[in-house]
Every structure is written in C-alpha cells, then in structure tokens.
C-alpha cells in the first residue's frame, strides 16, 4: 500500500474520534511544548551570558595575582600579588601577539559633584583600555598619552554614574571630587550593561592609572592587568607569551610555579555557561517526562483501537492483507498522531517562549535544530509506543477476529 494512502487512512481514523485523539495527543503536546520552552530559556541564557562575556572586551586576556603558600597551605588564587605597572610595560614592549595592554588599579570611593554624591568604582587604566574593552565614548573623549604623562586629573564617567550625578544633562566639562581630589570630566562611556555575575559595568569612573596610583590608591601593586590580541586565533599563543614574559619579569626559576594567573574569555564563558547547561539539561529531563506519559497514552489508545477494530482487521486479513500490512497501518496511525501532537506542541512552545520572554524579560532563543529534534522525537515516541499495539493487531487470527463481538 502506498505511503500516501496509509497516511490518509490513518488521518481518517484519527478524525473519527476527534476528542479521544486530542486527549491522546495531549501528553505529546504538553511534553513537546515544555521541551521547546525549556530549551529556549536555556539557549537564551547561554546567548545572554556569551553577549555579556563579549561585552568585557575584544579577545580579552586577564592577568591576575597568583596564590600564596605558607607552611604547605595554599591561600587560593589572588592571595599573592606581585603584579606591577612595570609588568604591564614589559608586556607592552616585548610582546608580539598583544595589541593592547593596560594595568587596572581599582578603588572605591564617594564621588561628589553635579546634583549630589555617588559611591562608585574608580579604575586607573591606560589609553589601551578603551580598545581592549571595546568601549565607545558617546560624549567628549577618552584620555590620551599626554594626560597619562602629565598625571592629569581627568575622568571618563560610566553611564550609571553620569545618570546619578548629572541626570538629564551632559557632564562633560563639569568637575567632580574623588576623595577630595578634583577631577575634570572629559567624556562619558557608552552603556555596557551587566556582567554574567550581575555587576553593573557602567557604575565606574575611568582615569589615567598614573593619576589614580599617585593621588588616590597609593598602592605599589596592581590588582590585575588586561590585554588583548588583534585576532582570536592569537589568544592561545599570546597566553604562552605572557607567561614567559611574566616569569622573566618576576625572576622565577624553572622549578618555581607561576605567581600569577592568565585567563581568557573562553575560560570565563565556560565557567559561566557550565551552570546554565546543567540547569537546561535538568529542566529538559523534567519536561521529557511529559513525552513519556504521552507515549504511554498513545499506546493505551492504540490497544483500545485494536480491540474496537478486531472485526475490521479480520476482514482485511481474510481478503488477502498480510500481517505486515496491518502492522504498518496501525504503526503509521500512531506516528501520525505523535507528529501531529508534536507540531501542535511546537506552536505552543513558540507561543509560550514568546509570552514568557515578554512577561519576565528573560532572553529566549529557539534554534531551528530544536524544532527538527522535537518532531523527530515525537515520531520516535509514535514508533516506540505504537509498535506493540500494531504488532498485536498483525498477529490476530483472521477467523477469531471475524468471530469477535
């Protein structure tokens, strides 16, 4: 029998009992819809995290302090800081793969100016910082080398600081006080948003690290050094180069461990996305239970259908139909019911993802592959749970089937 004919007969059989068929497909509809929504949330979360990681900068590499070790007890990463401005200068002068290097001297303090005061992070950085972080200035300018050499008291405000101190106005040309030190505002940074950990990147003030180190911080060591490469393919080679230059700068012998840590964006992204992947798989497993329940429902209804149509099966077998023909007919009916339920579930999943995204503000993303996987899984459910009833129908004895009341 032709495939088109089998599908037509299966569709007619499903439409004869519309309500029963709909209730049978309900488990598949709910299961597929739930899977689509859960995957959309998980993929959306991963996409959002990747965007937030990318917002940290272009091909970013972070050099941070290493760990201390006292009496065989490790203090953990960041507890032994030997990073200096000289290290950053050495990296800038000797590196082949790095396109930008900037120390980052961070301190927090109360900022006074405009229409009040605001507590913000003050980062002392170099001119390369703007390109490393790929951070545009929407008003005014970024500080330059002459500002750095002259230790000028100039500052570039993040959007959060600008909005709180100078709401509704351009702060460029105004003056603020950082720990009683007056700074002239020369620029405002474009909005960056939050990081994957929820930190507001715009709640910051940037100033020349030479000024911050001498006027505000007074620290000899710097919390971290940022660097970047011109192209992503250079990151791995750049990390090895950084390690060699830093070990030479710190005078480390071959047998001594690194007293610093070098990480890139991929390391940060893997750490952040690992959690979302686990949660996505957990939610997916929970949603898949509905598909299992739906498959059992299809098997039960198909068994009922075999019982109801026993005489019909007997007539088919008596006039020459083979057992394989009966098996195929019932199996196709089960598959059509599953795929139809899956298609409805996909539409509900699309609608549910959109509504959830609009209502909560969460990012939801549905990849085309998800749709094909959902349809394929629906068909697999139809085959798996429809095989037993179909086989039971195909092995009926024609005479017993014709006598069945």
Protein backbone atom coordinates (compact mmCIF):
# COMPACT_ATOMS: atom_id res chain seq x y z
CA UNK A 1 0.00 0.00 0.00
CA UNK A 2 1.32 3.46 -0.90
CA UNK A 3 2.56 5.75 1.85
CA UNK A 4 0.08 8.49 0.89
CA UNK A 5 -2.77 6.00 1.16
CA UNK A 6 -1.57 4.80 4.58
CA UNK A 7 -1.34 8.38 5.88
CA UNK A 8 -4.83 9.17 4.53
CA UNK A 9 -6.36 6.11 6.26
CA UNK A 10 -4.53 6.97 9.50
CA UNK A 11 -5.78 10.57 9.36
CA UNK A 12 -9.36 9.42 8.75
CA UNK A 13 -9.15 7.05 11.71
CA UNK A 14 -7.87 9.86 13.95
CA UNK A 15 -10.61 12.26 12.82
CA UNK A 16 -13.37 9.72 13.52
CA UNK A 17 -12.75 10.21 17.25
CA UNK A 18 -11.60 13.81 17.44
CA UNK A 19 -11.94 14.29 21.18
CA UNK A 20 -10.31 10.98 22.03
CA UNK A 21 -7.46 11.69 19.62
CA UNK A 22 -6.95 15.17 21.07
CA UNK A 23 -6.83 13.83 24.62
CA UNK A 24 -4.43 11.11 23.44
CA UNK A 25 -2.13 13.69 21.86
CA UNK A 26 -2.33 15.98 24.89
CA UNK A 27 0.64 14.35 26.60
CA UNK A 28 2.77 14.77 23.46
CA UNK A 29 1.57 18.37 23.01
CA UNK A 30 2.43 19.32 26.60
CA UNK A 31 5.73 17.43 26.50
CA UNK A 32 6.98 18.94 23.25
CA UNK A 33 5.75 22.41 24.23
CA UNK A 34 7.53 22.16 27.59
CA UNK A 35 10.73 20.92 25.95
CA UNK A 36 10.69 23.81 23.45
CA UNK A 37 10.18 26.38 26.23
CA UNK A 38 12.87 24.88 28.48
CA UNK A 39 15.41 24.66 25.66
CA UNK A 40 14.54 28.23 24.56
CA UNK A 41 15.19 29.51 28.09
CA UNK A 42 18.46 27.58 28.36
CA UNK A 43 19.74 28.68 24.95
CA UNK A 44 18.64 32.24 25.64
CA UNK A 45 20.53 32.22 28.94
CA UNK A 46 23.68 30.92 27.24
CA UNK A 47 23.36 33.51 24.48
CA UNK A 48 22.94 36.28 27.06
CA UNK A 49 25.98 35.08 29.01
CA UNK A 50 28.05 34.97 25.82
CA UNK A 51 27.00 38.53 24.99
CA UNK A 52 27.91 39.64 28.50
CA UNK A 53 31.30 37.91 28.24
CA UNK A 54 31.87 39.57 24.85
CA UNK A 55 30.99 42.93 26.38
CA UNK A 56 34.04 42.60 28.64
CA UNK A 57 36.22 43.32 25.65
CA UNK A 58 37.65 42.12 22.35
CA UNK A 59 39.81 38.97 22.65
CA UNK A 60 40.29 39.80 26.32
CA UNK A 61 43.10 38.24 28.38
CA UNK A 62 43.22 38.83 32.15
CA UNK A 63 46.44 38.57 34.17
CA UNK A 64 45.65 38.35 37.88
CA UNK A 65 47.65 37.61 41.05
CA UNK A 66 48.56 34.02 41.93
CA UNK A 67 48.20 32.16 45.22
CA UNK A 68 50.28 32.30 48.36
CA UNK A 69 51.62 29.19 50.08
CA UNK A 70 52.54 29.16 53.74
CA UNK A 71 53.53 26.01 55.57
CA UNK A 72 52.10 23.86 52.80
CA UNK A 73 48.73 25.62 52.99
CA UNK A 74 47.59 27.40 49.82
CA UNK A 75 45.82 30.71 50.27
CA UNK A 76 44.00 30.42 46.96
CA UNK A 77 44.04 32.49 43.79
CA UNK A 78 44.64 36.21 44.19
CA UNK A 79 46.26 35.99 47.63
CA UNK A 80 49.83 36.68 46.44
CA UNK A 81 50.06 39.87 44.39
CA UNK A 82 53.32 40.77 42.65
CA UNK A 83 51.77 42.48 39.61
CA UNK A 84 53.18 45.94 38.93
CA UNK A 85 52.94 48.67 36.32
CA UNK A 86 56.43 47.57 35.20
CA UNK A 87 54.97 44.17 34.30
CA UNK A 88 52.38 45.86 32.09
CA UNK A 89 55.10 47.99 30.45
CA UNK A 90 57.26 44.92 29.82
CA UNK A 91 54.32 43.07 28.22
CA UNK A 92 53.54 46.07 26.03
CA UNK A 93 57.15 46.49 24.88
CA UNK A 94 58.17 42.84 24.38
CA UNK A 95 55.01 41.05 23.29
CA UNK A 96 54.49 40.12 19.65
CA UNK A 97 50.88 38.91 19.83
CA UNK A 98 49.34 41.54 22.11
CA UNK A 99 47.63 44.54 20.51
CA UNK A 100 46.91 46.31 23.81
CA UNK A 101 47.95 46.17 27.48
CA UNK A 102 46.57 48.10 30.44
CA UNK A 103 47.04 47.85 34.19
CA UNK A 104 43.78 48.21 36.10
CA UNK A 105 44.07 49.86 39.51
CA UNK A 106 40.66 49.66 41.12
CA UNK A 107 39.49 51.54 44.18
CA UNK A 108 36.09 52.59 45.51
CA UNK A 109 35.14 55.95 46.87
CA UNK A 110 32.49 58.59 47.28
CA UNK A 111 32.11 60.82 44.26
CA UNK A 112 30.81 64.34 44.86
CA UNK A 113 29.55 66.58 42.10
CA UNK A 114 26.62 67.56 39.97
CA UNK A 115 23.40 67.14 41.92
CA UNK A 116 24.70 65.06 44.81
CA UNK A 117 27.10 62.23 45.53
CA UNK A 118 27.50 58.61 44.47
CA UNK A 119 29.73 55.75 45.60
CA UNK A 120 31.43 54.19 42.57
CA UNK A 121 34.38 52.12 41.44
CA UNK A 122 37.31 54.21 40.20
CA UNK A 123 39.56 52.39 37.75
CA UNK A 124 43.01 53.67 36.87
CA UNK A 125 43.79 52.42 33.36
CA UNK A 126 45.91 53.23 30.31
CA UNK A 127 44.83 54.52 26.91
CA UNK A 128 44.76 50.93 25.59
CA UNK A 129 41.89 50.12 27.95
CA UNK A 130 39.29 51.65 25.62
CA UNK A 131 40.32 49.33 22.77
CA UNK A 132 40.81 46.26 24.97
CA UNK A 133 37.28 46.62 26.36
CA UNK A 134 35.89 47.84 23.00
CA UNK A 135 34.20 50.69 24.89
CA UNK A 136 32.96 53.67 22.91
CA UNK A 137 32.74 57.23 24.22
CA UNK A 138 29.36 58.78 23.40
CA UNK A 139 30.24 62.26 24.63
CA UNK A 140 33.58 64.04 24.92
CA UNK A 141 36.77 61.99 24.57
CA UNK A 142 38.94 59.36 26.23
CA UNK A 143 42.17 60.48 27.88
CA UNK A 144 45.38 60.29 25.82
CA UNK A 145 49.11 59.76 26.35
CA UNK A 146 49.71 63.39 27.27
CA UNK A 147 47.12 63.06 30.06
CA UNK A 148 48.94 59.93 31.26
CA UNK A 149 52.41 61.51 31.22
CA UNK A 150 51.23 64.67 32.96
CA UNK A 151 49.22 62.81 35.65
CA UNK A 152 46.25 65.00 34.75
CA UNK A 153 43.21 64.77 36.97
CA UNK A 154 40.73 63.89 34.22
CA UNK A 155 37.93 61.32 34.33
CA UNK A 156 35.57 59.48 31.99
CA UNK A 157 32.23 58.52 33.57
CA UNK A 158 30.23 55.35 33.10
CA UNK A 159 26.57 55.83 32.20
CA UNK A 160 25.26 54.86 35.66
CA UNK A 161 27.49 57.42 37.40
CA UNK A 162 26.62 60.12 34.85
CA UNK A 163 22.86 59.49 35.21
CA UNK A 164 23.01 59.68 39.02
CA UNK A 165 25.24 62.72 39.36
CA UNK A 166 24.09 64.65 36.28
CA UNK A 167 20.57 63.44 35.43
CA UNK A 168 19.29 64.79 32.13
CA UNK A 169 22.45 66.71 31.24
CA UNK A 170 25.83 66.21 29.61
CA UNK A 171 28.51 66.18 32.37
CA UNK A 172 31.44 66.83 30.01
CA UNK A 173 33.25 69.97 31.18
CA UNK A 174 31.92 69.64 34.74
CA UNK A 175 34.03 68.83 37.78
CA UNK A 176 33.74 66.08 40.42
CA UNK A 177 35.61 65.29 43.64
CA UNK A 178 37.13 61.86 44.22
CA UNK A 179 38.33 61.63 47.83
CA UNK A 180 38.71 65.41 47.95
CA UNK A 181 40.73 65.42 44.73
CA UNK A 182 39.08 67.46 41.94
CA UNK A 183 38.78 65.73 38.54
CA UNK A 184 37.59 67.28 35.28
CA UNK A 185 35.07 65.20 33.32
CA UNK A 186 36.26 64.82 29.72
CA UNK A 187 33.97 62.03 28.48
CA UNK A 188 31.02 59.69 29.04
CA UNK A 189 31.18 55.99 28.13
CA UNK A 190 28.55 54.14 26.11
CA UNK A 191 26.28 51.81 28.09
CA UNK A 192 27.68 48.29 28.61
CA UNK A 193 25.11 46.67 30.89
CA UNK A 194 25.65 43.95 33.48
CA UNK A 195 28.19 41.15 33.50
CA UNK A 196 27.24 37.47 33.81
CA UNK A 197 27.67 37.79 37.60
CA UNK A 198 25.28 40.77 37.75
CA UNK A 199 27.89 43.51 38.20
CA UNK A 200 26.95 46.85 36.66
CA UNK A 201 29.78 47.68 34.24
CA UNK A 202 28.51 51.26 33.86
CA UNK A 203 28.91 52.06 37.56
CA UNK A 204 32.53 53.08 37.04
CA UNK A 205 34.83 56.06 36.59
CA UNK A 206 37.95 55.72 34.44
CA UNK A 207 41.04 57.86 34.95
CA UNK A 208 44.73 57.61 33.97
CA UNK A 209 46.37 54.93 36.11
CA UNK A 210 49.30 57.28 36.76
CA UNK A 211 46.92 59.73 38.43
CA UNK A 212 44.94 57.10 40.35
CA UNK A 213 48.09 55.43 41.64
CA UNK A 214 49.66 58.66 42.90
CA UNK A 215 46.56 60.60 44.00
CA UNK A 216 44.01 58.00 45.13
CA UNK A 217 45.35 54.49 45.57
CA UNK A 218 48.98 54.78 46.63
CA UNK A 219 49.43 51.05 46.04
CA UNK A 220 52.61 49.66 44.55
CA UNK A 221 50.95 46.53 43.19
CA UNK A 222 48.04 46.47 40.74
CA UNK A 223 45.01 44.15 41.14
CA UNK A 224 45.13 42.95 37.54
CA UNK A 225 46.44 43.60 34.05
CA UNK A 226 44.23 43.45 30.97
CA UNK A 227 45.48 42.59 27.49
CA UNK A 228 44.03 41.75 24.10
CA UNK A 229 45.05 40.31 20.74
CA UNK A 230 44.23 41.60 17.27
CA UNK A 231 42.55 38.31 16.25
CA UNK A 232 41.01 35.46 18.30
CA UNK A 233 43.38 32.85 16.85
CA UNK A 234 46.33 34.58 18.56
CA UNK A 235 44.90 34.23 22.08
CA UNK A 236 46.48 30.85 22.89
CA UNK A 237 49.92 31.90 21.63
CA UNK A 238 49.58 35.23 23.44
CA UNK A 239 48.87 33.46 26.74
CA UNK A 240 52.03 31.39 26.43
CA UNK A 241 53.99 34.53 25.55
CA UNK A 242 52.53 36.38 28.55
CA UNK A 243 53.58 33.56 30.88
CA UNK A 244 57.15 33.61 29.56
CA UNK A 245 57.46 37.41 29.85
CA UNK A 246 55.87 37.49 33.33
CA UNK A 247 58.10 34.70 34.63
CA UNK A 248 61.14 36.60 33.38
CA UNK A 249 59.84 39.83 34.92
CA UNK A 250 59.35 38.15 38.30
CA UNK A 251 62.66 36.28 38.12
CA UNK A 252 61.08 32.84 38.56
CA UNK A 253 63.29 29.77 38.23
CA UNK A 254 62.23 26.80 36.10
CA UNK A 255 61.11 24.74 39.10
CA UNK A 256 59.05 27.56 40.61
CA UNK A 257 55.33 27.81 39.97
CA UNK A 258 53.74 30.86 38.34
CA UNK A 259 52.88 33.59 40.85
CA UNK A 260 50.16 34.91 38.53
CA UNK A 261 47.15 33.56 36.62
CA UNK A 262 46.35 34.09 32.94
CA UNK A 263 42.78 33.59 31.71
CA UNK A 264 40.87 34.46 28.56
CA UNK A 265 37.24 34.99 27.63
CA UNK A 266 36.73 31.34 26.73
CA UNK A 267 37.70 30.30 30.26
CA UNK A 268 35.26 32.83 31.71
CA UNK A 269 32.50 31.77 29.30
CA UNK A 270 32.95 28.04 30.01
CA UNK A 271 32.69 28.63 33.75
CA UNK A 272 29.55 30.77 33.42
CA UNK A 273 27.85 28.56 30.82
CA UNK A 274 28.58 25.32 32.63
CA UNK A 275 25.92 26.14 35.22
CA UNK A 276 23.30 27.07 32.62
CA UNK A 277 23.94 23.87 30.66
CA UNK A 278 23.38 21.75 33.77
CA UNK A 279 20.16 23.62 34.56
CA UNK A 280 18.97 23.30 30.95
CA UNK A 281 19.55 19.54 30.98
CA UNK A 282 17.72 19.24 34.30
CA UNK A 283 14.73 21.20 33.02
CA UNK A 284 14.80 19.22 29.78
CA UNK A 285 14.76 15.93 31.66
CA UNK A 286 11.76 17.08 33.72
CA UNK A 287 9.90 18.22 30.60
CA UNK A 288 10.68 14.92 28.83
CA UNK A 289 8.64 13.06 31.43
CA UNK A 290 5.54 14.52 29.76
CA UNK A 291 6.63 12.93 26.48
CA UNK A 292 6.94 9.57 28.21
CA UNK A 293 3.45 9.94 29.69
CA UNK A 294 2.12 10.99 26.28
CA UNK A 295 3.68 7.95 24.64
CA UNK A 296 2.07 5.63 27.18
CA UNK A 297 -1.26 7.34 26.47
CA UNK A 298 -0.86 6.69 22.74
CA UNK A 299 -0.06 3.03 23.39
CA UNK A 300 -3.16 2.63 25.57
CA UNK A 301 -5.47 4.23 22.99
CA UNK A 302 -3.96 2.17 20.16
CA UNK A 303 -4.57 -1.00 22.17
CA UNK A 304 -8.19 0.08 22.61
CA UNK A 305 -8.36 0.83 18.89
CA UNK A 306 -7.07 -2.67 18.06
CA UNK A 307 -9.79 -4.17 20.25
CA UNK A 308 -12.51 -1.98 18.70
CA UNK A 309 -11.42 -2.80 15.16
CA UNK A 310 -10.82 -6.51 15.59
CA UNK A 311 -13.52 -7.47 13.04
CA UNK A 312 -12.11 -4.88 10.58
CA UNK A 313 -8.67 -6.43 10.98
CA UNK A 314 -10.14 -9.91 10.45
CA UNK A 315 -11.82 -8.79 7.19
CA UNK A 316 -8.56 -7.26 5.92
CA UNK A 317 -6.63 -10.44 6.69
CA UNK A 318 -9.37 -12.64 5.18
CA UNK A 319 -9.31 -10.82 1.82
CA UNK A 320 -5.55 -11.11 1.44
CA UNK A 321 -3.88 -8.45 3.57
CA UNK A 322 -0.63 -9.57 5.15
CA UNK A 323 0.21 -9.20 8.79
CA UNK A 324 2.91 -6.68 7.85
CA UNK A 325 0.24 -4.54 6.11
CA UNK A 326 -1.87 -4.41 9.28
CA UNK A 327 1.22 -3.68 11.39
CA UNK A 328 2.23 -0.84 9.06
CA UNK A 329 -1.27 0.64 9.07
CA UNK A 330 -1.50 0.84 12.87
CA UNK A 331 2.11 1.98 13.21
CA UNK A 332 1.57 4.81 10.72
CA UNK A 333 -1.57 5.82 12.63
CA UNK A 334 0.45 6.03 15.85
CA UNK A 335 3.24 8.01 14.16
CA UNK A 336 0.80 10.46 12.52
CA UNK A 337 -0.85 11.04 15.88
CA UNK A 338 2.54 11.68 17.54
CA UNK A 339 3.82 14.01 14.81
CA UNK A 340 0.55 15.95 14.78
CA UNK A 341 0.76 16.34 18.55
CA UNK A 342 4.41 17.34 18.21
CA UNK A 343 3.56 20.02 15.62
CA UNK A 344 0.89 21.49 17.88
CA UNK A 345 3.33 21.31 20.80
CA UNK A 346 5.96 23.21 18.78
CA UNK A 347 3.49 26.02 18.06
CA UNK A 348 2.53 26.16 21.74
CA UNK A 349 6.25 26.12 22.66
CA UNK A 350 6.91 29.08 20.34
CA UNK A 351 3.98 31.00 21.82
CA UNK A 352 4.93 30.08 25.38
CA UNK A 353 8.56 31.14 24.87
CA UNK A 354 7.49 34.49 23.44
CA UNK A 355 4.97 35.18 26.22
CA UNK A 356 7.46 34.12 28.93
CA UNK A 357 10.15 36.35 27.44
CA UNK A 358 7.81 39.34 27.25
CA UNK A 359 6.40 38.81 30.75
CA UNK A 360 9.70 38.21 32.57
CA UNK A 361 12.23 40.00 30.37
CA UNK A 362 14.23 36.79 30.03
CA UNK A 363 16.09 36.11 26.82
CA UNK A 364 14.66 33.11 24.92
CA UNK A 365 16.21 31.63 21.79
CA UNK A 366 14.84 28.79 19.63
CA UNK A 367 17.30 27.20 17.24
CA UNK A 368 15.95 25.52 14.04
CA UNK A 369 17.64 22.29 15.15
CA UNK A 370 15.39 22.24 18.23
CA UNK A 371 12.28 22.06 16.03
CA UNK A 372 13.60 19.13 13.99
CA UNK A 373 14.71 17.31 17.13
CA UNK A 374 11.25 17.81 18.68
CA UNK A 375 9.48 16.45 15.57
CA UNK A 376 11.92 13.55 15.34
CA UNK A 377 11.42 12.74 18.99
CA UNK A 378 7.65 12.84 18.50
CA UNK A 379 7.92 10.37 15.62
CA UNK A 380 10.20 8.15 17.73
CA UNK A 381 7.63 8.15 20.53
CA UNK A 382 4.95 7.09 18.00
CA UNK A 383 7.12 4.25 16.70
CA UNK A 384 8.21 3.04 20.13
CA UNK A 385 4.81 3.08 21.82
CA UNK A 386 2.81 2.19 18.71
CA UNK A 387 4.85 -0.89 17.83
CA UNK A 388 3.34 -3.20 20.44
CA UNK A 389 -0.34 -2.47 19.60
CA UNK A 390 0.46 -2.67 15.87
CA UNK A 391 2.22 -5.99 16.28
CA UNK A 392 -0.67 -7.30 18.38
CA UNK A 393 -3.06 -6.40 15.55
CA UNK A 394 -0.88 -8.00 12.89
CA UNK A 395 -0.77 -11.44 14.59
CA UNK A 396 -4.53 -11.77 15.09
CA UNK A 397 -6.05 -14.96 13.68
CA UNK A 398 -8.45 -13.98 10.84
CA UNK A 399 -11.15 -16.50 11.88
CA UNK A 400 -11.04 -15.49 15.55
CA UNK A 401 -11.08 -11.85 14.54
CA UNK A 402 -14.17 -12.31 12.33
CA UNK A 403 -15.97 -14.11 15.17
CA UNK A 404 -15.11 -11.33 17.63
CA UNK A 405 -18.16 -9.49 19.05
